[in-house]
Amino acid sequence: MGDSDGRRDSIKSDILSTVADILEISPKDVTSDLAIIDDLPFDSLKLYELVISVEEKYGIRLPDEVLDEIRTIDDLVDVVVGFSNKE
């Protein structure tokens, strides 16, 4: 269990950093419990950039129906962990 927790923590850290980079905000202002759409200043282009960045980094493809269910950064982390474990 410890190894998968470490992997999740690593993915979470990477995604938080990516979100901060895309939005050009301080990493201190990004926490995993934030709602991607409601709490962060994402527009459709920046949201697309986030999805593409995550897909490329982890070599996965996130289907639209999965993306529609993601509300928080933690949700995104969980999905990426799940999909990257299947690969």
Protein backbone atom coordinates (compact mmCIF):
# COMPACT_ATOMS: atom_id res chain seq x y z
CA MET A 1 0.00 0.00 0.00
CA GLY A 2 2.85 2.39 0.75
CA ASP A 3 4.14 2.26 -2.81
CA SER A 4 0.78 3.14 -4.33
CA ASP A 5 0.39 5.96 -1.80
CA GLY A 6 3.78 7.28 -2.88
CA ARG A 7 2.76 7.11 -6.51
CA ARG A 8 -0.50 8.92 -5.77
CA ASP A 9 1.39 11.61 -3.83
CA SER A 10 3.80 12.05 -6.72
CA ILE A 11 0.97 12.36 -9.27
CA LYS A 12 -0.87 14.76 -6.96
CA SER A 13 2.21 16.94 -6.59
CA ASP A 14 2.78 16.97 -10.36
CA ILE A 15 -0.84 17.88 -11.10
CA LEU A 16 -0.87 20.66 -8.49
CA SER A 17 2.30 22.07 -10.03
CA THR A 18 0.84 21.79 -13.55
CA VAL A 19 -2.34 23.60 -12.47
CA ALA A 20 -0.30 26.41 -10.92
CA ASP A 21 1.85 26.70 -14.07
CA ILE A 22 -1.12 26.76 -16.46
CA LEU A 23 -3.01 29.32 -14.38
CA GLU A 24 0.17 31.30 -13.65
CA ILE A 25 -0.57 31.38 -9.94
CA SER A 26 1.48 30.48 -6.90
CA PRO A 27 1.59 26.77 -6.08
CA LYS A 28 0.65 27.81 -2.52
CA ASP A 29 -2.75 28.87 -3.89
CA VAL A 30 -3.54 25.42 -5.30
CA THR A 31 -4.80 22.64 -3.05
CA SER A 32 -6.19 19.29 -4.08
CA ASP A 33 -9.62 19.91 -2.56
CA LEU A 34 -10.32 22.90 -4.83
CA ALA A 35 -13.06 22.55 -7.42
CA ILE A 36 -11.41 22.90 -10.81
CA ILE A 37 -14.19 24.96 -12.38
CA ASP A 38 -15.73 26.73 -9.38
CA ASP A 39 -12.64 27.57 -7.31
CA LEU A 40 -9.94 28.11 -9.92
CA PRO A 41 -9.81 30.56 -12.84
CA PHE A 42 -9.94 27.94 -15.61
CA ASP A 43 -11.39 28.84 -18.98
CA SER A 44 -12.04 26.20 -21.63
CA LEU A 45 -8.63 26.64 -23.28
CA LYS A 46 -6.69 26.30 -20.02
CA LEU A 47 -8.81 23.31 -19.04
CA TYR A 48 -7.97 21.67 -22.37
CA GLU A 49 -4.28 22.46 -21.75
CA LEU A 50 -4.50 20.73 -18.35
CA VAL A 51 -6.11 17.61 -19.81
CA ILE A 52 -3.59 17.37 -22.67
CA SER A 53 -0.68 17.93 -20.29
CA VAL A 54 -1.85 15.18 -17.93
CA GLU A 55 -2.56 12.76 -20.78
CA GLU A 56 0.87 13.33 -22.32
CA LYS A 57 2.76 13.13 -19.05
CA TYR A 58 1.15 9.85 -18.00
CA GLY A 59 0.63 8.30 -21.43
CA ILE A 60 -3.11 7.91 -20.92
CA ARG A 61 -6.29 8.97 -22.71
CA LEU A 62 -9.08 10.34 -20.53
CA PRO A 63 -12.50 9.74 -22.14
CA ASP A 64 -14.98 12.63 -22.17
CA GLU A 65 -17.44 10.77 -19.93
CA VAL A 66 -14.69 10.43 -17.30
CA LEU A 67 -13.71 14.08 -17.63
CA ASP A 68 -17.33 15.10 -17.09
CA GLU A 69 -17.26 13.45 -13.65
CA ILE A 70 -14.13 15.27 -12.42
CA ARG A 71 -14.94 18.13 -10.06
CA THR A 72 -11.86 18.62 -7.85
CA ILE A 73 -8.14 18.24 -8.31
CA ASP A 74 -8.35 15.17 -6.04
CA ASP A 75 -10.87 13.66 -8.47
CA LEU A 76 -8.42 14.24 -11.32
CA VAL A 77 -5.60 12.66 -9.31
CA ASP A 78 -7.76 9.59 -8.57
CA VAL A 79 -8.66 9.20 -12.25
CA VAL A 80 -5.04 9.54 -13.37
CA VAL A 81 -3.89 6.99 -10.77
CA GLY A 82 -6.62 4.60 -11.89
CA PHE A 83 -5.87 4.96 -15.59
CA SER A 84 -2.10 4.83 -15.18
CA ASN A 85 -2.42 1.62 -13.15
CA LYS A 86 -4.31 0.02 -16.06
CA GLU A 87 -1.57 0.80 -18.56
